[in-house]
Every structure is written in C-alpha cells, then in structure tokens.
C-alpha cells in the first residue's frame, strides 16, 4: 500500500496530547507525579536517520542483523546495501510509524522537617527531595523519541535525577 498523496501535514491533525499530574502529602512527606503522552499520531521515518549508509551515514544497531537476506526472510527491515538502492527508500506505509506514547515525565519525593526541629536551628523550613525527569517512556517507536518531527535526528530525551535540600531562612 502506498501513501504517496498523504504527507505528514495531513496526519498531524489526528494527534492528541494529554497530561496527568497529581500530588499528595502525609506527615511531612510529599509526592508529585507528572505523566504526559500523545495518541493518534504518526511519523515518517526516512532519510539518513534510518536508511543504512544514506547520505554517508552509518547504520543503527536496531537494523544490524535485522535486515532482509535470503537466510533471514522474516527480517524487520529491507535488504541492506551500501549502493544507492531506490527500492529500499520509497515512501510507503512501511516507514510510517505510530507515535503513541506515555512518558513518566517527572516524579518528586520530598520530606519537610517538622517546624519544632527547624525553629531550634532558627530556620524557616528545611525540605530534602529527590526528583527524576524523563524516567521512562512507553511507546511503539523504541529507537527514536516519539515526539520527534518527521525526518529528524533529534537528540534523545535525557533522563535526569536530582537530589537537594531547600532551606528557607
């Protein structure tokens, strides 16, 4: 099946974003969570980002050993060739991938010391915390960030973990 007349601009209106956050606290402990996601979207995976040796590019680890050969008929990717092979690079539904995802965007756990202890040290408040950003993403794409634009080689989302103490005077 060919999607020749259909461009990514035609597909964008179908994508819906969502977010869900919640927080709770109990006896000085607090927890905050942010989930974000999108559904109904697609992306064309094309060009040097995915095509082996295209534009003097290399080859993704996901493709290595997972391309068509006479001995590997159920491969995930078309046959590989260093030569320019237009058959492998045709715009088709093969390169149109689902970008639905759910990401654990932010989690923060904290503890605020009781005022009875803080006042002895002549401080306003003391809170210790640990937080994480981009902790996990559940998606179908796996080898690229599902938020990337078409034909992109964006830098992947970074997983960040912080710890700290907030002291109010």
Protein backbone atom coordinates (compact mmCIF):
# COMPACT_ATOMS: atom_id res chain seq x y z
CA UNK A 1 0.00 0.00 0.00
CA UNK A 2 1.42 3.40 -0.91
CA UNK A 3 0.73 6.69 0.87
CA UNK A 4 2.05 8.83 -1.99
CA UNK A 5 -0.51 11.65 -1.72
CA UNK A 6 -0.53 11.70 2.07
CA UNK A 7 2.00 13.91 3.83
CA UNK A 8 2.84 14.35 7.47
CA UNK A 9 0.92 17.65 7.44
CA UNK A 10 -2.24 15.68 6.62
CA UNK A 11 -1.65 13.42 9.62
CA UNK A 12 -0.88 16.00 12.29
CA UNK A 13 -4.49 16.96 12.96
CA UNK A 14 -5.15 13.45 14.27
CA UNK A 15 -2.62 13.65 17.11
CA UNK A 16 -3.90 14.45 20.60
CA UNK A 17 -1.72 15.30 23.58
CA UNK A 18 -2.55 14.51 27.16
CA UNK A 19 -1.15 15.10 30.61
CA UNK A 20 -1.98 13.99 34.10
CA UNK A 21 -0.45 15.25 37.31
CA UNK A 22 -1.13 14.57 40.94
CA UNK A 23 0.43 15.22 44.28
CA UNK A 24 -0.10 14.13 47.82
CA UNK A 25 1.41 14.77 51.21
CA UNK A 26 1.39 12.98 54.54
CA UNK A 27 3.25 13.74 57.79
CA UNK A 28 5.96 15.82 56.13
CA UNK A 29 6.37 13.56 53.09
CA UNK A 30 5.21 14.70 49.66
CA UNK A 31 4.99 13.14 46.25
CA UNK A 32 4.37 14.79 42.89
CA UNK A 33 3.98 12.94 39.59
CA UNK A 34 3.53 14.18 36.01
CA UNK A 35 2.61 11.85 33.15
CA UNK A 36 2.46 13.12 29.57
CA UNK A 37 1.59 11.42 26.34
CA UNK A 38 0.04 11.58 22.92
CA UNK A 39 -2.11 9.34 20.80
CA UNK A 40 -3.35 9.27 17.23
CA UNK A 41 -0.07 10.40 15.67
CA UNK A 42 2.30 9.00 13.09
CA UNK A 43 5.74 9.93 11.81
CA UNK A 44 7.60 9.20 8.59
CA UNK A 45 10.92 7.59 9.49
CA UNK A 46 13.01 8.40 6.45
CA UNK A 47 16.37 9.65 5.29
CA UNK A 48 19.79 9.22 6.88
CA UNK A 49 18.20 8.82 10.31
CA UNK A 50 17.04 5.29 9.42
CA UNK A 51 18.26 4.27 5.93
CA UNK A 52 21.59 2.44 6.21
CA UNK A 53 24.52 4.24 4.60
CA UNK A 54 22.25 7.01 3.25
CA UNK A 55 23.96 10.39 2.95
CA UNK A 56 27.26 8.92 4.18
CA UNK A 57 25.52 7.87 7.38
CA UNK A 58 26.13 4.69 9.32
CA UNK A 59 23.73 2.01 10.42
CA UNK A 60 21.53 1.81 13.51
CA UNK A 61 22.08 -1.07 15.93
CA UNK A 62 18.37 -1.97 15.51
CA UNK A 63 18.99 -2.63 11.80
CA UNK A 64 22.28 -4.52 12.17
CA UNK A 65 21.47 -8.21 11.85
CA UNK A 66 17.76 -7.47 11.40
CA UNK A 67 17.64 -6.81 7.64
CA UNK A 68 16.40 -8.99 4.79
CA UNK A 69 18.67 -11.66 3.33
CA UNK A 70 17.80 -14.96 1.65
CA UNK A 71 18.53 -16.59 5.02
CA UNK A 72 16.54 -14.02 7.04
CA UNK A 73 13.19 -13.80 5.28
CA UNK A 74 11.28 -12.51 8.34
CA UNK A 75 13.56 -9.54 8.91
CA UNK A 76 12.23 -6.27 10.27
CA UNK A 77 13.99 -4.10 7.65
CA UNK A 78 14.55 -4.26 3.87
CA UNK A 79 17.77 -5.66 2.47
CA UNK A 80 20.83 -3.61 3.19
CA UNK A 81 23.10 -2.24 0.51
CA UNK A 82 25.90 0.27 0.52
CA UNK A 83 24.96 1.12 -3.08
CA UNK A 84 22.09 3.55 -3.69
CA UNK A 85 19.06 1.25 -3.90
CA UNK A 86 15.90 3.28 -4.51
CA UNK A 87 13.67 0.27 -3.77
CA UNK A 88 14.55 0.47 -0.07
CA UNK A 89 13.81 4.19 0.20
CA UNK A 90 10.36 4.51 -1.34
CA UNK A 91 7.76 6.47 0.61
CA UNK A 92 5.38 3.81 1.86
CA UNK A 93 3.44 2.76 4.92
CA UNK A 94 6.46 0.66 5.93
CA UNK A 95 8.23 3.86 7.09
CA UNK A 96 5.07 5.35 8.67
CA UNK A 97 5.22 4.54 12.37
CA UNK A 98 2.84 5.02 15.29
CA UNK A 99 3.95 7.72 17.76
CA UNK A 100 1.54 6.95 20.59
CA UNK A 101 3.35 7.16 23.90
CA UNK A 102 3.06 7.69 27.62
CA UNK A 103 6.02 9.22 29.47
CA UNK A 104 6.69 9.41 33.18
CA UNK A 105 7.88 12.98 32.79
CA UNK A 106 8.52 13.97 36.38
CA UNK A 107 8.45 12.40 39.83
CA UNK A 108 9.46 14.20 43.00
CA UNK A 109 9.59 12.80 46.52
CA UNK A 110 10.33 15.12 49.41
CA UNK A 111 10.39 15.36 53.16
CA UNK A 112 9.92 18.58 55.11
CA UNK A 113 11.37 18.58 58.60
CA UNK A 114 8.92 19.33 61.41
CA UNK A 115 8.76 23.00 62.47
CA UNK A 116 9.74 22.05 66.03
CA UNK A 117 13.18 20.94 64.76
CA UNK A 118 13.59 23.73 62.22
CA UNK A 119 12.82 26.55 64.68
CA UNK A 120 15.57 25.33 67.01
CA UNK A 121 18.04 25.98 64.21
CA UNK A 122 16.41 29.40 63.62
CA UNK A 123 15.35 28.47 60.08
CA UNK A 124 12.05 28.95 58.26
CA UNK A 125 11.84 25.47 56.77
CA UNK A 126 14.02 22.59 55.59
CA UNK A 127 13.00 20.17 52.85
CA UNK A 128 15.03 17.35 51.29
CA UNK A 129 13.97 16.00 47.93
CA UNK A 130 14.81 13.66 45.07
CA UNK A 131 13.31 14.07 41.64
CA UNK A 132 13.57 12.42 38.27
CA UNK A 133 12.78 13.75 34.80
CA UNK A 134 12.00 11.57 31.76
CA UNK A 135 12.25 8.41 33.80
CA UNK A 136 10.53 6.03 31.40
CA UNK A 137 8.66 6.20 28.08
CA UNK A 138 6.21 3.53 26.94
CA UNK A 139 5.92 3.65 23.13
CA UNK A 140 5.91 1.64 19.90
CA UNK A 141 8.79 3.51 18.25
CA UNK A 142 11.59 2.38 20.62
CA UNK A 143 14.59 3.55 18.54
CA UNK A 144 13.61 7.24 18.37
CA UNK A 145 11.87 9.73 20.64
CA UNK A 146 8.13 9.58 19.80
CA UNK A 147 7.94 13.40 20.00
CA UNK A 148 10.43 13.91 17.17
CA UNK A 149 9.34 15.67 13.99
CA UNK A 150 9.46 13.86 10.63
CA UNK A 151 12.87 13.10 9.09
CA UNK A 152 14.55 14.21 12.27
CA UNK A 153 17.60 13.09 14.14
CA UNK A 154 16.82 14.96 17.32
CA UNK A 155 18.91 14.40 20.38
CA UNK A 156 17.06 11.92 22.61
CA UNK A 157 15.27 12.94 25.78
CA UNK A 158 17.71 12.93 28.69
CA UNK A 159 16.94 11.07 31.90
CA UNK A 160 17.86 13.33 34.83
CA UNK A 161 17.90 12.54 38.54
CA UNK A 162 18.40 15.34 41.08
CA UNK A 163 18.66 15.45 44.84
CA UNK A 164 18.78 18.50 47.03
CA UNK A 165 17.91 20.37 50.17
CA UNK A 166 15.84 23.55 50.28
CA UNK A 167 16.47 25.76 53.28
CA UNK A 168 14.18 28.70 53.99
CA UNK A 169 15.60 31.41 56.23
